[in-house]
Amino acid sequence: MGGRLISTILKEGLDKLANVERLILQPNNREDELRSWLQEHRFQIVAESILEEAGKFYEIIVVEAGEMKLSATDTRFWSFLVQRSQSSLHPKMAKRSC
């Protein structure tokens, strides 16, 4: 499920999220669209990680209610991940930057 579909599902159920403390999301693509939607709807990313298994990358995004301001670069790559891998980009992000 991609970030666009996750955003649509969250939008359609937005009224049900009022009492939800934390969401753990795993978009397979279009992570930037999900980050934009989260920002617009007052969610903040509190953790994010990329896992690799059998040659496939899985991005995990943990969000809570709150505000965040993302630059275009943050929306695309998320600075939390960039800061964690200061020496080089993660292979998934490197592919995306091309």
PDB file of N, CA and C in Angstrom:
ATOM      1  N   MET A   1       0.858  -1.165   0.000  1.00  0.00           N
ATOM      2  CA  MET A   1       0.000   0.000   0.000  1.00  0.00           C
ATOM      3  C   MET A   1       0.905   1.228   0.000  1.00  0.00           C
ATOM      4  N   GLY A   2       0.630   2.143  -0.898  1.00  0.00           N
ATOM      5  CA  GLY A   2       1.459   3.327  -1.021  1.00  0.00           C
ATOM      6  C   GLY A   2       0.990   4.486  -0.158  1.00  0.00           C
ATOM      7  N   GLY A   3       1.831   5.511  -0.107  1.00  0.00           N
ATOM      8  CA  GLY A   3       1.522   6.689   0.688  1.00  0.00           C
ATOM      9  C   GLY A   3       0.252   7.393   0.256  1.00  0.00           C
ATOM     10  N   ARG A   4      -0.018   7.389  -1.045  1.00  0.00           N
ATOM     11  CA  ARG A   4      -1.244   8.029  -1.542  1.00  0.00           C
ATOM     12  C   ARG A   4      -2.487   7.305  -1.028  1.00  0.00           C
ATOM     13  N   LEU A   5      -2.485   5.983  -1.095  1.00  0.00           N
ATOM     14  CA  LEU A   5      -3.636   5.214  -0.613  1.00  0.00           C
ATOM     15  C   LEU A   5      -3.781   5.334   0.905  1.00  0.00           C
ATOM     16  N   ILE A   6      -2.671   5.286   1.627  1.00  0.00           N
ATOM     17  CA  ILE A   6      -2.732   5.460   3.081  1.00  0.00           C
ATOM     18  C   ILE A   6      -3.326   6.823   3.417  1.00  0.00           C
ATOM     19  N   SER A   7      -2.903   7.867   2.698  1.00  0.00           N
ATOM     20  CA  SER A   7      -3.449   9.214   2.915  1.00  0.00           C
ATOM     21  C   SER A   7      -4.949   9.244   2.680  1.00  0.00           C
ATOM     22  N   THR A   8      -5.412   8.586   1.629  1.00  0.00           N
ATOM     23  CA  THR A   8      -6.838   8.543   1.314  1.00  0.00           C
ATOM     24  C   THR A   8      -7.613   7.836   2.422  1.00  0.00           C
ATOM     25  N   ILE A   9      -7.088   6.723   2.887  1.00  0.00           N
ATOM     26  CA  ILE A   9      -7.747   5.968   3.964  1.00  0.00           C
ATOM     27  C   ILE A   9      -7.815   6.819   5.227  1.00  0.00           C
ATOM     28  N   LEU A  10      -6.712   7.488   5.574  1.00  0.00           N
ATOM     29  CA  LEU A  10      -6.704   8.345   6.763  1.00  0.00           C
ATOM     30  C   LEU A  10      -7.678   9.508   6.608  1.00  0.00           C
ATOM     31  N   LYS A  11      -7.735  10.080   5.418  1.00  0.00           N
ATOM     32  CA  LYS A  11      -8.652  11.201   5.167  1.00  0.00           C
ATOM     33  C   LYS A  11     -10.101  10.752   5.357  1.00  0.00           C
ATOM     34  N   GLU A  12     -10.439   9.599   4.799  1.00  0.00           N
ATOM     35  CA  GLU A  12     -11.814   9.097   4.897  1.00  0.00           C
ATOM     36  C   GLU A  12     -12.193   8.725   6.329  1.00  0.00           C
ATOM     37  N   GLY A  13     -11.206   8.427   7.171  1.00  0.00           N
ATOM     38  CA  GLY A  13     -11.490   8.066   8.548  1.00  0.00           C
ATOM     39  C   GLY A  13     -10.978   9.088   9.548  1.00  0.00           C
ATOM     40  N   LEU A  14     -10.774  10.314   9.096  1.00  0.00           N
ATOM     41  CA  LEU A  14     -10.182  11.344   9.946  1.00  0.00           C
ATOM     42  C   LEU A  14     -10.930  11.541  11.260  1.00  0.00           C
ATOM     43  N   ASP A  15     -12.254  11.454  11.219  1.00  0.00           N
ATOM     44  CA  ASP A  15     -13.043  11.617  12.444  1.00  0.00           C
ATOM     45  C   ASP A  15     -12.755  10.517  13.466  1.00  0.00           C
ATOM     46  N   LYS A  16     -12.299   9.371  13.007  1.00  0.00           N
ATOM     47  CA  LYS A  16     -11.997   8.250  13.903  1.00  0.00           C
ATOM     48  C   LYS A  16     -10.612   8.373  14.539  1.00  0.00           C
ATOM     49  N   LEU A  17      -9.806   9.322  14.065  1.00  0.00           N
ATOM     50  CA  LEU A  17      -8.441   9.460  14.562  1.00  0.00           C
ATOM     51  C   LEU A  17      -8.323  10.405  15.755  1.00  0.00           C
ATOM     52  N   ALA A  18      -9.412  11.029  16.153  1.00  0.00           N
ATOM     53  CA  ALA A  18      -9.378  12.036  17.213  1.00  0.00           C
ATOM     54  C   ALA A  18      -8.777  11.500  18.514  1.00  0.00           C
ATOM     55  N   ASN A  19      -9.050  10.274  18.869  1.00  0.00           N
ATOM     56  CA  ASN A  19      -8.554   9.706  20.124  1.00  0.00           C
ATOM     57  C   ASN A  19      -7.371   8.766  19.946  1.00  0.00           C
ATOM     58  N   VAL A  20      -6.838   8.703  18.743  1.00  0.00           N
ATOM     59  CA  VAL A  20      -5.698   7.828  18.470  1.00  0.00           C
ATOM     60  C   VAL A  20      -4.418   8.561  18.870  1.00  0.00           C
ATOM     61  N   GLU A  21      -3.611   7.926  19.712  1.00  0.00           N
ATOM     62  CA  GLU A  21      -2.382   8.561  20.186  1.00  0.00           C
ATOM     63  C   GLU A  21      -1.233   8.410  19.204  1.00  0.00           C
ATOM     64  N   ARG A  22      -1.171   7.293  18.522  1.00  0.00           N
ATOM     65  CA  ARG A  22      -0.015   7.021  17.657  1.00  0.00           C
ATOM     66  C   ARG A  22      -0.443   6.154  16.484  1.00  0.00           C
ATOM     67  N   LEU A  23       0.142   6.454  15.328  1.00  0.00           N
ATOM     68  CA  LEU A  23      -0.061   5.636  14.130  1.00  0.00           C
ATOM     69  C   LEU A  23       1.298   5.105  13.690  1.00  0.00           C
ATOM     70  N   ILE A  24       1.334   3.864  13.298  1.00  0.00           N
ATOM     71  CA  ILE A  24       2.540   3.276  12.732  1.00  0.00           C
ATOM     72  C   ILE A  24       2.187   2.913  11.298  1.00  0.00           C
ATOM     73  N   LEU A  25       2.825   3.603  10.367  1.00  0.00           N
ATOM     74  CA  LEU A  25       2.488   3.500   8.948  1.00  0.00           C
ATOM     75  C   LEU A  25       3.650   2.895   8.177  1.00  0.00           C
ATOM     76  N   GLN A  26       3.340   2.183   7.105  1.00  0.00           N
ATOM     77  CA  GLN A  26       4.389   1.548   6.312  1.00  0.00           C
ATOM     78  C   GLN A  26       4.067   1.694   4.829  1.00  0.00           C
ATOM     79  N   PRO A  27       4.335   2.879   4.271  1.00  0.00           N
ATOM     80  CA  PRO A  27       4.086   3.072   2.846  1.00  0.00           C
ATOM     81  C   PRO A  27       5.149   2.366   1.996  1.00  0.00           C
ATOM     82  N   ASN A  28       4.718   1.722   0.940  1.00  0.00           N
ATOM     83  CA  ASN A  28       5.658   1.055   0.034  1.00  0.00           C
ATOM     84  C   ASN A  28       6.193   1.994  -1.042  1.00  0.00           C
ATOM     85  N   ASN A  29       5.504   3.107  -1.250  1.00  0.00           N
ATOM     86  CA  ASN A  29       5.945   4.122  -2.208  1.00  0.00           C
ATOM     87  C   ASN A  29       5.228   5.423  -1.867  1.00  0.00           C
ATOM     88  N   ARG A  30       5.567   6.480  -2.571  1.00  0.00           N
ATOM     89  CA  ARG A  30       4.942   7.791  -2.375  1.00  0.00           C
ATOM     90  C   ARG A  30       4.961   8.254  -0.913  1.00  0.00           C
ATOM     91  N   GLU A  31       6.080   7.988  -0.239  1.00  0.00           N
ATOM     92  CA  GLU A  31       6.240   8.409   1.148  1.00  0.00           C
ATOM     93  C   GLU A  31       6.109   9.921   1.267  1.00  0.00           C
ATOM     94  N   ASP A  32       6.586  10.643   0.255  1.00  0.00           N
ATOM     95  CA  ASP A  32       6.521  12.110   0.278  1.00  0.00           C
ATOM     96  C   ASP A  32       5.076  12.602   0.304  1.00  0.00           C
ATOM     97  N   GLU A  33       4.191  11.952  -0.424  1.00  0.00           N
ATOM     98  CA  GLU A  33       2.782  12.346  -0.410  1.00  0.00           C
ATOM     99  C   GLU A  33       2.164  12.103   0.963  1.00  0.00           C
ATOM    100  N   LEU A  34       2.552  11.020   1.606  1.00  0.00           N
ATOM    101  CA  LEU A  34       2.052  10.732   2.949  1.00  0.00           C
ATOM    102  C   LEU A  34       2.571  11.770   3.939  1.00  0.00           C
ATOM    103  N   ARG A  35       3.870  12.099   3.852  1.00  0.00           N
ATOM    104  CA  ARG A  35       4.422  13.112   4.759  1.00  0.00           C
ATOM    105  C   ARG A  35       3.710  14.448   4.591  1.00  0.00           C
ATOM    106  N   SER A  36       3.430  14.825   3.350  1.00  0.00           N
ATOM    107  CA  SER A  36       2.708  16.085   3.095  1.00  0.00           C
ATOM    108  C   SER A  36       1.318  16.038   3.718  1.00  0.00           C
ATOM    109  N   TRP A  37       0.615  14.935   3.530  1.00  0.00           N
ATOM    110  CA  TRP A  37      -0.727  14.805   4.093  1.00  0.00           C
ATOM    111  C   TRP A  37      -0.663  14.889   5.619  1.00  0.00           C
ATOM    112  N   LEU A  38       0.294  14.210   6.220  1.00  0.00           N
ATOM    113  CA  LEU A  38       0.430  14.224   7.678  1.00  0.00           C
ATOM    114  C   LEU A  38       0.665  15.638   8.188  1.00  0.00           C
ATOM    115  N   GLN A  39       1.533  16.366   7.502  1.00  0.00           N
ATOM    116  CA  GLN A  39       1.814  17.749   7.896  1.00  0.00           C
ATOM    117  C   GLN A  39       0.554  18.613   7.803  1.00  0.00           C
ATOM    118  N   GLU A  40      -0.174  18.487   6.720  1.00  0.00           N
ATOM    119  CA  GLU A  40      -1.383  19.280   6.502  1.00  0.00           C
ATOM    120  C   GLU A  40      -2.475  18.965   7.519  1.00  0.00           C
ATOM    121  N   HIS A  41      -2.467  17.761   8.082  1.00  0.00           N
ATOM    122  CA  HIS A  41      -3.516  17.336   9.008  1.00  0.00           C
ATOM    123  C   HIS A  41      -3.024  17.233  10.449  1.00  0.00           C
ATOM    124  N   ARG A  42      -1.971  17.970  10.746  1.00  0.00           N
ATOM    125  CA  ARG A  42      -1.458  18.133  12.117  1.00  0.00           C
ATOM    126  C   ARG A  42      -1.022  16.834  12.785  1.00  0.00           C
ATOM    127  N   PHE A  43      -0.227  16.102  12.043  1.00  0.00           N
ATOM    128  CA  PHE A  43       0.471  14.957  12.613  1.00  0.00           C
ATOM    129  C   PHE A  43       1.960  15.243  12.501  1.00  0.00           C
ATOM    130  N   GLN A  44       2.716  14.739  13.457  1.00  0.00           N
ATOM    131  CA  GLN A  44       4.160  14.909  13.385  1.00  0.00           C
ATOM    132  C   GLN A  44       4.838  13.546  13.413  1.00  0.00           C
ATOM    133  N   ILE A  45       5.905  13.447  12.667  1.00  0.00           N
ATOM    134  CA  ILE A  45       6.685  12.211  12.642  1.00  0.00           C
ATOM    135  C   ILE A  45       7.564  12.189  13.881  1.00  0.00           C
ATOM    136  N   VAL A  46       7.460  11.125  14.661  1.00  0.00           N
ATOM    137  CA  VAL A  46       8.272  10.998  15.874  1.00  0.00           C
ATOM    138  C   VAL A  46       9.391   9.973  15.700  1.00  0.00           C
ATOM    139  N   ALA A  47       9.269   9.116  14.708  1.00  0.00           N
ATOM    140  CA  ALA A  47      10.317   8.141  14.406  1.00  0.00           C
ATOM    141  C   ALA A  47      10.117   7.648  12.986  1.00  0.00           C
ATOM    142  N   GLU A  48      11.215   7.292  12.372  1.00  0.00           N
ATOM    143  CA  GLU A  48      11.142   6.753  11.022  1.00  0.00           C
ATOM    144  C   GLU A  48      12.366   5.877  10.797  1.00  0.00           C
ATOM    145  N   SER A  49      12.156   4.775  10.123  1.00  0.00           N
ATOM    146  CA  SER A  49      13.247   3.843   9.883  1.00  0.00           C
ATOM    147  C   SER A  49      13.031   3.133   8.552  1.00  0.00           C
ATOM    148  N   ILE A  50      14.112   2.670   7.996  1.00  0.00           N
ATOM    149  CA  ILE A  50      14.046   1.857   6.780  1.00  0.00           C
ATOM    150  C   ILE A  50      14.648   0.502   7.109  1.00  0.00           C
ATOM    151  N   LEU A  51      13.914  -0.533   6.780  1.00  0.00           N
ATOM    152  CA  LEU A  51      14.375  -1.901   6.979  1.00  0.00           C
ATOM    153  C   LEU A  51      14.552  -2.553   5.613  1.00  0.00           C
ATOM    154  N   GLU A  52      15.483  -3.467   5.521  1.00  0.00           N
ATOM    155  CA  GLU A  52      15.669  -4.217   4.287  1.00  0.00           C
ATOM    156  C   GLU A  52      15.539  -5.692   4.593  1.00  0.00           C
ATOM    157  N   GLU A  53      14.753  -6.368   3.760  1.00  0.00           N
ATOM    158  CA  GLU A  53      14.602  -7.809   3.899  1.00  0.00           C
ATOM    159  C   GLU A  53      14.482  -8.400   2.513  1.00  0.00           C
ATOM    160  N   ALA A  54      15.291  -9.391   2.243  1.00  0.00           N
ATOM    161  CA  ALA A  54      15.275 -10.092   0.960  1.00  0.00           C
ATOM    162  C   ALA A  54      15.366  -9.115  -0.214  1.00  0.00           C
ATOM    163  N   GLY A  55      16.202  -8.091  -0.061  1.00  0.00           N
ATOM    164  CA  GLY A  55      16.420  -7.139  -1.141  1.00  0.00           C
ATOM    165  C   GLY A  55      15.325  -6.102  -1.315  1.00  0.00           C
ATOM    166  N   LYS A  56      14.348  -6.093  -0.436  1.00  0.00           N
ATOM    167  CA  LYS A  56      13.258  -5.108  -0.505  1.00  0.00           C
ATOM    168  C   LYS A  56      13.369  -4.176   0.685  1.00  0.00           C
ATOM    169  N   PHE A  57      13.042  -2.899   0.437  1.00  0.00           N
ATOM    170  CA  PHE A  57      13.100  -1.885   1.482  1.00  0.00           C
ATOM    171  C   PHE A  57      11.706  -1.601   2.020  1.00  0.00           C
ATOM    172  N   TYR A  58      11.619  -1.448   3.329  1.00  0.00           N
ATOM    173  CA  TYR A  58      10.363  -1.137   3.987  1.00  0.00           C
ATOM    174  C   TYR A  58      10.579   0.084   4.876  1.00  0.00           C
ATOM    175  N   GLU A  59       9.812   1.124   4.626  1.00  0.00           N
ATOM    176  CA  GLU A  59       9.922   2.341   5.407  1.00  0.00           C
ATOM    177  C   GLU A  59       8.804   2.366   6.445  1.00  0.00           C
ATOM    178  N   ILE A  60       9.180   2.587   7.694  1.00  0.00           N
ATOM    179  CA  ILE A  60       8.236   2.631   8.809  1.00  0.00           C
ATOM    180  C   ILE A  60       8.200   4.074   9.311  1.00  0.00           C
ATOM    181  N   ILE A  61       6.998   4.644   9.408  1.00  0.00           N
ATOM    182  CA  ILE A  61       6.818   6.017   9.878  1.00  0.00           C
ATOM    183  C   ILE A  61       5.893   5.975  11.090  1.00  0.00           C
ATOM    184  N   VAL A  62       6.360   6.517  12.208  1.00  0.00           N
ATOM    185  CA  VAL A  62       5.572   6.588  13.433  1.00  0.00           C
ATOM    186  C   VAL A  62       5.159   8.040  13.626  1.00  0.00           C
ATOM    187  N   VAL A  63       3.853   8.280  13.774  1.00  0.00           N
ATOM    188  CA  VAL A  63       3.350   9.649  13.901  1.00  0.00           C
ATOM    189  C   VAL A  63       2.435   9.785  15.113  1.00  0.00           C
ATOM    190  N   GLU A  64       2.398  11.006  15.622  1.00  0.00           N
ATOM    191  CA  GLU A  64       1.500  11.374  16.707  1.00  0.00           C
ATOM    192  C   GLU A  64       0.888  12.720  16.356  1.00  0.00           C
ATOM    193  N   ALA A  65      -0.157  13.100  17.068  1.00  0.00           N
ATOM    194  CA  ALA A  65      -0.759  14.409  16.853  1.00  0.00           C
ATOM    195  C   ALA A  65       0.280  15.476  17.163  1.00  0.00           C
ATOM    196  N   GLY A  66       0.292  16.530  16.366  1.00  0.00           N
ATOM    197  CA  GLY A  66       1.245  17.614  16.566  1.00  0.00           C
ATOM    198  C   GLY A  66       1.552  18.280  15.243  1.00  0.00           C
ATOM    199  N   GLU A  67       2.328  19.318  15.308  1.00  0.00           N
ATOM    200  CA  GLU A  67       2.656  20.052  14.093  1.00  0.00           C
ATOM    201  C   GLU A  67       4.111  19.843  13.718  1.00  0.00           C
ATOM    202  N   MET A  68       4.366  19.898  12.425  1.00  0.00           N
ATOM    203  CA  MET A  68       5.733  19.847  11.915  1.00  0.00           C
ATOM    204  C   MET A  68       5.790  20.703  10.661  1.00  0.00           C
ATOM    205  N   LYS A  69       6.946  21.212  10.384  1.00  0.00           N
ATOM    206  CA  LYS A  69       7.180  22.002   9.174  1.00  0.00           C
ATOM    207  C   LYS A  69       8.263  21.293   8.382  1.00  0.00           C
ATOM    208  N   LEU A  70       7.902  20.800   7.230  1.00  0.00           N
ATOM    209  CA  LEU A  70       8.846  20.071   6.396  1.00  0.00           C
ATOM    210  C   LEU A  70       9.234  20.898   5.182  1.00  0.00           C
ATOM    211  N   SER A  71      10.513  20.922   4.882  1.00  0.00           N
ATOM    212  CA  SER A  71      10.975  21.518   3.631  1.00  0.00           C
ATOM    213  C   SER A  71      10.690  20.519   2.512  1.00  0.00           C
ATOM    214  N   ALA A  72      10.922  20.942   1.282  1.00  0.00           N
ATOM    215  CA  ALA A  72      10.729  20.025   0.151  1.00  0.00           C
ATOM    216  C   ALA A  72      11.649  18.814   0.277  1.00  0.00           C
ATOM    217  N   THR A  73      12.881  19.041   0.734  1.00  0.00           N
ATOM    218  CA  THR A  73      13.832  17.937   0.915  1.00  0.00           C
ATOM    219  C   THR A  73      13.370  17.013   2.030  1.00  0.00           C
ATOM    220  N   ASP A  74      12.903  17.598   3.146  1.00  0.00           N
ATOM    221  CA  ASP A  74      12.402  16.774   4.249  1.00  0.00           C
ATOM    222  C   ASP A  74      11.207  15.940   3.812  1.00  0.00           C
ATOM    223  N   THR A  75      10.335  16.543   3.012  1.00  0.00           N
ATOM    224  CA  THR A  75       9.160  15.819   2.536  1.00  0.00           C
ATOM    225  C   THR A  75       9.582  14.630   1.686  1.00  0.00           C
ATOM    226  N   ARG A  76      10.588  14.834   0.875  1.00  0.00           N
ATOM    227  CA  ARG A  76      11.042  13.771  -0.022  1.00  0.00           C
ATOM    228  C   ARG A  76      11.857  12.705   0.715  1.00  0.00           C
ATOM    229  N   PHE A  77      12.782  13.133   1.592  1.00  0.00           N
ATOM    230  CA  PHE A  77      13.726  12.187   2.206  1.00  0.00           C
ATOM    231  C   PHE A  77      13.609  12.064   3.708  1.00  0.00           C
ATOM    232  N   TRP A  78      12.930  12.993   4.349  1.00  0.00           N
ATOM    233  CA  TRP A  78      12.780  13.089   5.797  1.00  0.00           C
ATOM    234  C   TRP A  78      14.127  13.210   6.505  1.00  0.00           C
ATOM    235  N   SER A  79      14.354  14.376   7.088  1.00  0.00           N
ATOM    236  CA  SER A  79      15.641  14.707   7.704  1.00  0.00           C
ATOM    237  C   SER A  79      16.014  13.767   8.845  1.00  0.00           C
ATOM    238  N   PHE A  80      15.030  13.181   9.524  1.00  0.00           N
ATOM    239  CA  PHE A  80      15.324  12.241  10.598  1.00  0.00           C
ATOM    240  C   PHE A  80      16.174  11.082  10.072  1.00  0.00           C
ATOM    241  N   LEU A  81      15.814  10.578   8.910  1.00  0.00           N
ATOM    242  CA  LEU A  81      16.575   9.478   8.316  1.00  0.00           C
ATOM    243  C   LEU A  81      17.942   9.950   7.862  1.00  0.00           C
ATOM    244  N   VAL A  82      18.001  11.146   7.282  1.00  0.00           N
ATOM    245  CA  VAL A  82      19.274  11.679   6.804  1.00  0.00           C
ATOM    246  C   VAL A  82      20.217  11.880   7.987  1.00  0.00           C
ATOM    247  N   GLN A  83      19.717  12.404   9.109  1.00  0.00           N
ATOM    248  CA  GLN A  83      20.544  12.627  10.290  1.00  0.00           C
ATOM    249  C   GLN A  83      21.059  11.318  10.865  1.00  0.00           C
ATOM    250  N   ARG A  84      20.262  10.272  10.807  1.00  0.00           N
ATOM    251  CA  ARG A  84      20.686   8.972  11.353  1.00  0.00           C
ATOM    252  C   ARG A  84      21.788   8.347  10.516  1.00  0.00           C
ATOM    253  N   SER A  85      21.797   8.636   9.226  1.00  0.00           N
ATOM    254  CA  SER A  85      22.816   8.053   8.349  1.00  0.00           C
ATOM    255  C   SER A  85      23.666   9.184   7.799  1.00  0.00           C
ATOM    256  N   GLN A  86      24.352   9.884   8.682  1.00  0.00           N
ATOM    257  CA  GLN A  86      25.075  11.090   8.325  1.00  0.00           C
ATOM    258  C   GLN A  86      26.138  10.854   7.257  1.00  0.00           C
ATOM    259  N   SER A  87      26.787   9.703   7.256  1.00  0.00           N
ATOM    260  CA  SER A  87      27.888   9.488   6.337  1.00  0.00           C
ATOM    261  C   SER A  87      27.433   9.270   4.898  1.00  0.00           C
ATOM    262  N   SER A  88      26.280   8.665   4.713  1.00  0.00           N
ATOM    263  CA  SER A  88      25.815   8.428   3.343  1.00  0.00           C
ATOM    264  C   SER A  88      24.313   8.187   3.349  1.00  0.00           C
ATOM    265  N   LEU A  89      23.723   8.342   2.198  1.00  0.00           N
ATOM    266  CA  LEU A  89      22.300   8.082   2.069  1.00  0.00           C
ATOM    267  C   LEU A  89      22.035   6.584   2.115  1.00  0.00           C
ATOM    268  N   HIS A  90      20.908   6.232   2.675  1.00  0.00           N
ATOM    269  CA  HIS A  90      20.461   4.846   2.653  1.00  0.00           C
ATOM    270  C   HIS A  90      20.237   4.471   1.192  1.00  0.00           C
ATOM    271  N   PRO A  91      20.508   3.235   0.789  1.00  0.00           N
ATOM    272  CA  PRO A  91      20.344   2.846  -0.625  1.00  0.00           C
ATOM    273  C   PRO A  91      18.969   3.188  -1.201  1.00  0.00           C
ATOM    274  N   LYS A  92      17.900   3.079  -0.415  1.00  0.00           N
ATOM    275  CA  LYS A  92      16.572   3.414  -0.922  1.00  0.00           C
ATOM    276  C   LYS A  92      16.491   4.898  -1.237  1.00  0.00           C
ATOM    277  N   MET A  93      17.032   5.740  -0.341  1.00  0.00           N
ATOM    278  CA  MET A  93      16.984   7.184  -0.563  1.00  0.00           C
ATOM    279  C   MET A  93      17.908   7.574  -1.710  1.00  0.00           C
ATOM    280  N   ALA A  94      19.030   6.897  -1.836  1.00  0.00           N
ATOM    281  CA  ALA A  94      19.962   7.198  -2.928  1.00  0.00           C
ATOM    282  C   ALA A  94      19.287   6.929  -4.276  1.00  0.00           C
ATOM    283  N   LYS A  95      18.517   5.844  -4.378  1.00  0.00           N
ATOM    284  CA  LYS A  95      17.792   5.544  -5.609  1.00  0.00           C
ATOM    285  C   LYS A  95      16.793   6.636  -5.905  1.00  0.00           C
ATOM    286  N   ARG A  96      16.131   7.156  -4.866  1.00  0.00           N
ATOM    287  CA  ARG A  96      15.104   8.165  -5.015  1.00  0.00           C
ATOM    288  C   ARG A  96      15.681   9.523  -5.419  1.00  0.00           C
ATOM    289  N   SER A  97      16.933   9.795  -5.047  1.00  0.00           N
ATOM    290  CA  SER A  97      17.521  11.098  -5.327  1.00  0.00           C
ATOM    291  C   SER A  97      17.993  11.233  -6.762  1.00  0.00           C
ATOM    292  N   CYS A  98      18.046  10.128  -7.492  1.00  0.00           N
ATOM    293  CA  CYS A  98      18.513  10.165  -8.885  1.00  0.00           C
ATOM    294  C   CYS A  98      17.476  10.754  -9.812  1.00  0.00           C
TER     295      CYS A  98
END
